[in-house]
N, C-alpha and C. Protein backbone atom coordinates (compact mmCIF):
# COMPACT_ATOMS: atom_id res chain seq x y z
N MET A 1 1.19 -1.44 0.22
CA MET A 1 -0.13 -0.29 -0.13
C MET A 1 0.54 1.31 0.09
N THR A 2 2.30 1.23 0.63
CA THR A 2 3.23 1.60 -0.04
C THR A 2 3.65 2.58 -1.40
N THR A 3 3.93 1.51 -2.36
CA THR A 3 4.46 2.15 -3.31
C THR A 3 3.64 1.90 -4.42
N GLY A 4 2.09 0.87 -4.14
CA GLY A 4 1.29 1.09 -5.00
C GLY A 4 0.65 2.02 -5.82
N PRO A 5 0.32 2.75 -4.70
CA PRO A 5 -0.66 4.28 -5.38
C PRO A 5 0.41 5.47 -5.99
N ALA A 6 1.70 4.87 -5.63
CA ALA A 6 2.71 6.38 -6.28
C ALA A 6 3.25 5.49 -7.60
N HIS A 7 3.45 4.34 -7.46
CA HIS A 7 4.56 3.79 -8.48
C HIS A 7 3.77 2.73 -9.33
N TRP A 8 2.91 1.56 -9.38
CA TRP A 8 2.02 0.35 -9.81
C TRP A 8 2.18 1.13 -11.59
N GLU A 9 1.56 2.26 -11.86
CA GLU A 9 0.73 2.25 -12.50
C GLU A 9 2.03 3.17 -13.87
N LEU A 10 2.65 3.26 -13.10
CA LEU A 10 4.02 4.56 -13.98
C LEU A 10 4.76 3.36 -13.97
N LEU A 11 5.26 2.60 -13.65
CA LEU A 11 6.19 1.65 -13.75
C LEU A 11 5.81 0.82 -14.98
N GLN A 12 4.26 0.39 -14.88
CA GLN A 12 4.33 -0.45 -16.27
C GLN A 12 3.84 0.39 -17.19
N ARG A 13 3.30 1.50 -17.20
CA ARG A 13 3.57 2.76 -18.65
C ARG A 13 4.97 2.73 -19.54
N GLY A 14 6.21 2.66 -17.98
CA GLY A 14 7.61 3.25 -18.51
C GLY A 14 7.88 2.14 -19.33
N ARG A 15 7.82 0.75 -18.15
CA ARG A 15 8.68 -0.60 -19.08
C ARG A 15 7.98 -0.58 -20.72
N ALA A 16 6.18 -0.37 -20.79
CA ALA A 16 5.50 -0.35 -21.80
C ALA A 16 6.05 0.83 -23.36
N VAL A 17 6.77 1.41 -22.55
CA VAL A 17 6.81 2.66 -23.63
C VAL A 17 8.53 2.23 -23.77
N ASP A 18 9.43 2.02 -22.93
CA ASP A 18 11.01 1.86 -23.01
C ASP A 18 11.01 0.57 -24.20
N ASN A 19 10.14 -0.73 -23.42
CA ASN A 19 9.89 -1.87 -24.51
C ASN A 19 9.83 -1.65 -25.45
N GLN A 20 8.50 -0.96 -26.16
CA GLN A 20 7.83 -1.05 -27.13
C GLN A 20 6.55 -2.08 -27.05
N VAL A 21 5.88 -2.69 -25.89
CA VAL A 21 5.59 -4.07 -25.96
C VAL A 21 4.05 -3.23 -25.08
N TYR A 22 2.93 -4.66 -25.16
CA TYR A 22 1.99 -4.30 -24.64
C TYR A 22 2.51 -4.61 -23.19
N VAL A 23 1.73 -4.25 -21.91
CA VAL A 23 2.39 -4.73 -20.74
C VAL A 23 0.87 -5.11 -20.07
N ALA A 24 1.02 -6.43 -19.58
CA ALA A 24 0.00 -6.72 -18.46
C ALA A 24 0.55 -6.90 -17.28
N THR A 25 0.09 -6.75 -16.29
CA THR A 25 0.29 -7.14 -15.38
C THR A 25 -0.81 -7.53 -14.15
N ALA A 26 -0.22 -8.23 -13.33
CA ALA A 26 -1.27 -9.03 -12.49
C ALA A 26 -1.02 -8.36 -10.45
N SER A 27 -2.48 -8.22 -10.20
CA SER A 27 -1.85 -8.04 -8.81
C SER A 27 -2.88 -8.89 -7.98
N PRO A 28 -2.65 -9.43 -6.80
CA PRO A 28 -3.53 -10.06 -5.73
C PRO A 28 -4.85 -9.19 -5.62
N ALA A 29 -5.73 -9.53 -5.07
CA ALA A 29 -6.94 -8.49 -5.15
C ALA A 29 -6.35 -8.21 -3.25
N ARG A 30 -6.95 -7.03 -3.15
CA ARG A 30 -6.73 -6.49 -2.09
C ARG A 30 -7.47 -7.04 -0.52
N ASP A 31 -7.03 -7.72 0.04
CA ASP A 31 -7.26 -8.22 1.11
C ASP A 31 -6.04 -7.99 2.28
N ASP A 32 -7.70 -6.94 3.53
CA ASP A 32 -7.39 -5.73 4.41
C ASP A 32 -6.59 -6.83 5.74
N GLN A 33 -7.39 -8.09 5.83
CA GLN A 33 -7.15 -9.15 6.49
C GLN A 33 -5.38 -9.72 6.24
N ALA A 34 -4.80 -9.90 5.53
CA ALA A 34 -3.90 -10.31 5.11
C ALA A 34 -2.70 -9.61 5.73
N SER A 35 -1.59 -10.47 5.78
CA SER A 35 -0.21 -10.04 6.15
C SER A 35 0.53 -9.20 5.43
N TYR A 36 0.22 -9.65 4.06
CA TYR A 36 0.48 -8.41 2.86
C TYR A 36 -0.19 -8.06 2.39
N VAL A 37 -1.15 -6.39 2.05
CA VAL A 37 -1.85 -5.98 1.82
C VAL A 37 -1.45 -5.50 0.19
N ALA A 38 -2.13 -5.81 -0.43
CA ALA A 38 -1.54 -5.78 -2.23
C ALA A 38 -2.47 -4.24 -2.84
N TRP A 39 -1.79 -4.04 -3.34
CA TRP A 39 -2.59 -2.54 -4.12
C TRP A 39 -3.54 -2.77 -4.71
N GLY A 40 -3.45 -4.13 -5.74
CA GLY A 40 -4.51 -4.55 -6.32
C GLY A 40 -4.56 -3.50 -8.16
N HIS A 41 -5.36 -3.28 -8.68
CA HIS A 41 -5.08 -2.91 -9.82
C HIS A 41 -4.35 -3.40 -10.94
N SER A 42 -4.61 -4.93 -11.18
CA SER A 42 -4.23 -5.56 -12.04
C SER A 42 -4.35 -4.65 -13.64
N THR A 43 -3.56 -4.21 -14.63
CA THR A 43 -3.49 -3.54 -15.54
C THR A 43 -3.07 -4.18 -16.45
N ILE A 44 -3.56 -3.48 -18.48
CA ILE A 44 -2.62 -3.51 -19.34
C ILE A 44 -2.52 -2.30 -20.29
N VAL A 45 -1.21 -2.19 -20.56
CA VAL A 45 -0.88 -1.02 -20.89
C VAL A 45 -0.59 -0.99 -22.14
N SER A 46 -0.60 -0.03 -23.95
CA SER A 46 -0.33 -0.19 -24.73
C SER A 46 1.56 0.22 -25.28
N PRO A 47 1.79 0.23 -25.86
CA PRO A 47 3.18 0.07 -26.29
C PRO A 47 3.80 2.14 -25.89
N TRP A 48 2.42 2.86 -26.49
CA TRP A 48 1.91 4.28 -26.39
C TRP A 48 2.38 4.85 -24.98
N GLY A 49 2.36 3.49 -24.06
CA GLY A 49 2.17 3.94 -22.04
C GLY A 49 0.66 4.17 -22.18
N GLU A 50 -0.82 4.26 -23.13
CA GLU A 50 -1.94 3.89 -22.68
C GLU A 50 -2.15 3.12 -21.57
N VAL A 51 -3.34 3.18 -20.73
CA VAL A 51 -3.68 2.29 -19.56
C VAL A 51 -4.89 1.74 -20.85
N LEU A 52 -5.06 0.50 -20.77
CA LEU A 52 -6.23 0.08 -21.98
C LEU A 52 -7.63 -0.21 -21.22
N ALA A 53 -7.02 -1.23 -19.83
CA ALA A 53 -7.85 -1.75 -18.99
C ALA A 53 -6.58 -1.86 -17.57
N LYS A 54 -8.34 -1.41 -16.43
CA LYS A 54 -7.23 -1.85 -14.99
C LYS A 54 -8.60 -2.57 -14.04
N ALA A 55 -8.08 -3.32 -13.35
CA ALA A 55 -8.82 -3.77 -11.96
C ALA A 55 -8.61 -2.24 -11.55
N GLY A 56 -9.70 -2.72 -10.19
CA GLY A 56 -9.76 -1.99 -9.10
C GLY A 56 -9.14 -2.76 -8.13
N THR A 57 -9.75 -2.81 -6.59
CA THR A 57 -9.01 -3.46 -6.15
C THR A 57 -9.12 -5.11 -5.38
N GLU A 58 -11.00 -5.47 -6.15
CA GLU A 58 -11.44 -6.34 -5.91
C GLU A 58 -10.90 -7.72 -6.89
N GLU A 59 -11.19 -8.69 -6.62
CA GLU A 59 -10.69 -10.17 -7.46
C GLU A 59 -11.71 -9.74 -8.86
N THR A 60 -11.15 -9.62 -9.72
CA THR A 60 -11.97 -9.58 -11.23
C THR A 60 -10.26 -10.24 -12.51
N VAL A 61 -11.48 -9.96 -13.94
CA VAL A 61 -10.38 -10.46 -14.81
C VAL A 61 -10.47 -8.86 -15.67
N VAL A 62 -9.05 -8.88 -15.78
CA VAL A 62 -9.10 -7.64 -17.13
C VAL A 62 -8.40 -8.53 -18.47
N CYS A 63 -8.89 -8.06 -19.59
CA CYS A 63 -8.47 -8.39 -20.42
C CYS A 63 -9.10 -6.82 -21.43
N SER A 64 -7.69 -7.17 -22.65
CA SER A 64 -8.45 -6.04 -23.77
C SER A 64 -7.74 -6.65 -24.92
N ASP A 65 -8.24 -6.00 -26.44
CA ASP A 65 -7.72 -6.31 -27.33
C ASP A 65 -6.46 -5.78 -27.50
N ILE A 66 -5.77 -6.57 -28.27
CA ILE A 66 -4.37 -6.08 -28.68
C ILE A 66 -4.15 -5.39 -30.29
N ASP A 67 -3.83 -4.64 -30.65
CA ASP A 67 -3.62 -4.43 -31.64
C ASP A 67 -2.44 -4.21 -32.86
N LEU A 68 -1.60 -5.52 -33.08
CA LEU A 68 -0.40 -6.05 -33.67
C LEU A 68 -0.12 -4.61 -35.05
N LYS A 69 -1.02 -4.01 -35.38
CA LYS A 69 -1.05 -3.05 -36.51
C LYS A 69 -0.61 -1.82 -35.86
N LYS A 70 -0.78 -1.56 -34.65
CA LYS A 70 -0.64 -0.33 -33.54
C LYS A 70 1.09 -0.16 -33.28
N LEU A 71 1.31 -1.47 -32.77
CA LEU A 71 2.36 -1.58 -32.36
C LEU A 71 3.39 -1.21 -33.33
N THR A 72 3.47 -2.10 -34.74
CA THR A 72 4.12 -1.72 -35.52
C THR A 72 4.42 0.14 -35.61
N GLU A 73 3.17 0.72 -35.96
CA GLU A 73 3.27 1.84 -36.01
C GLU A 73 3.85 2.72 -34.84
N ILE A 74 3.38 2.37 -33.67
CA ILE A 74 4.43 3.24 -32.61
C ILE A 74 6.24 2.52 -32.55
N ARG A 75 6.01 1.60 -32.89
CA ARG A 75 7.58 1.21 -33.09
C ARG A 75 8.23 2.16 -34.33
N GLN A 76 7.78 2.41 -35.94
CA GLN A 76 8.17 3.09 -36.75
C GLN A 76 8.20 5.01 -35.94
N GLN A 77 7.30 5.04 -35.40
CA GLN A 77 7.29 6.75 -34.66
C GLN A 77 8.44 6.22 -33.42
N ILE A 78 8.54 5.80 -32.80
CA ILE A 78 10.15 5.71 -31.44
C ILE A 78 10.79 4.39 -32.12
N PRO A 79 11.97 5.31 -33.12
CA PRO A 79 12.66 3.96 -33.52
C PRO A 79 13.77 3.41 -32.40
N ILE A 80 13.50 3.06 -31.77
CA ILE A 80 14.91 3.08 -30.44
C ILE A 80 15.33 1.36 -30.86
N PHE A 81 14.96 0.60 -31.59
CA PHE A 81 15.99 -0.48 -32.31
C PHE A 81 16.73 0.02 -33.16
N SER A 82 16.57 0.86 -34.02
CA SER A 82 16.99 1.45 -35.41
C SER A 82 18.25 2.43 -34.41
N GLN A 83 18.02 2.85 -33.05
CA GLN A 83 18.93 3.97 -32.71
C GLN A 83 20.12 3.53 -31.99
N LYS A 84 20.46 2.51 -32.08
CA LYS A 84 21.57 1.06 -31.26
C LYS A 84 22.61 2.00 -31.66
N ARG A 85 23.54 2.22 -30.51
CA ARG A 85 25.07 2.49 -31.20
C ARG A 85 25.72 1.32 -30.54
N SER A 86 25.97 0.07 -31.54
CA SER A 86 26.51 -1.48 -31.36
C SER A 86 27.81 -0.57 -31.52
N ASP A 87 28.09 1.03 -32.10
CA ASP A 87 29.51 0.81 -32.37
C ASP A 87 30.34 1.22 -31.16
N LEU A 88 29.48 1.55 -30.18
CA LEU A 88 30.39 2.28 -29.15
C LEU A 88 30.31 0.64 -27.76
N TYR A 89 29.32 -0.07 -27.75
CA TYR A 89 28.53 -1.20 -27.02
C TYR A 89 28.18 -2.14 -27.43
N ALA A 90 28.47 -3.94 -27.02
CA ALA A 90 27.86 -4.77 -28.02
C ALA A 90 27.33 -5.88 -26.56
N VAL A 91 26.36 -6.74 -26.62
CA VAL A 91 25.80 -7.18 -25.70
C VAL A 91 25.54 -8.90 -25.92
N GLU A 92 26.77 -9.29 -25.16
CA GLU A 92 27.05 -10.81 -25.41
C GLU A 92 26.61 -11.35 -24.13
N ALA A 93 25.92 -13.34 -24.61
CA ALA A 93 25.53 -13.76 -23.58
C ALA A 93 27.03 -14.22 -23.09
N LYS A 94 26.62 -14.77 -21.76
CA LYS A 94 27.69 -15.19 -20.97
C LYS A 94 27.38 -16.76 -20.98
N LYS A 95 28.63 -17.21 -21.12
CA LYS A 95 28.56 -18.70 -21.45
C LYS A 95 28.79 -19.25 -19.71
N PRO A 96 27.53 -20.52 -18.79
CA PRO A 96 28.40 -20.82 -17.91
C PRO A 96 29.20 -21.38 -17.49
């Protein structure tokens, strides 16, 4: 209940925009009698950072249509993948 009101939606919207993907987050429903009281508010966010659907604090199912055409349009408007500077750094997988 401390970070939920301040950060829950903000973090989801940020990850959606940063990664140019649809983000769906699930939270437990709020139980004021539990040892940990969850914020709730399961949410679906578009790659543009728009909240498409959001639950309240109660147990519920959240759903939304996902438009893959819109995803392509957004990725063209914010071309983060083409702006990589592979001349400055490389990402390599570590071998175990």
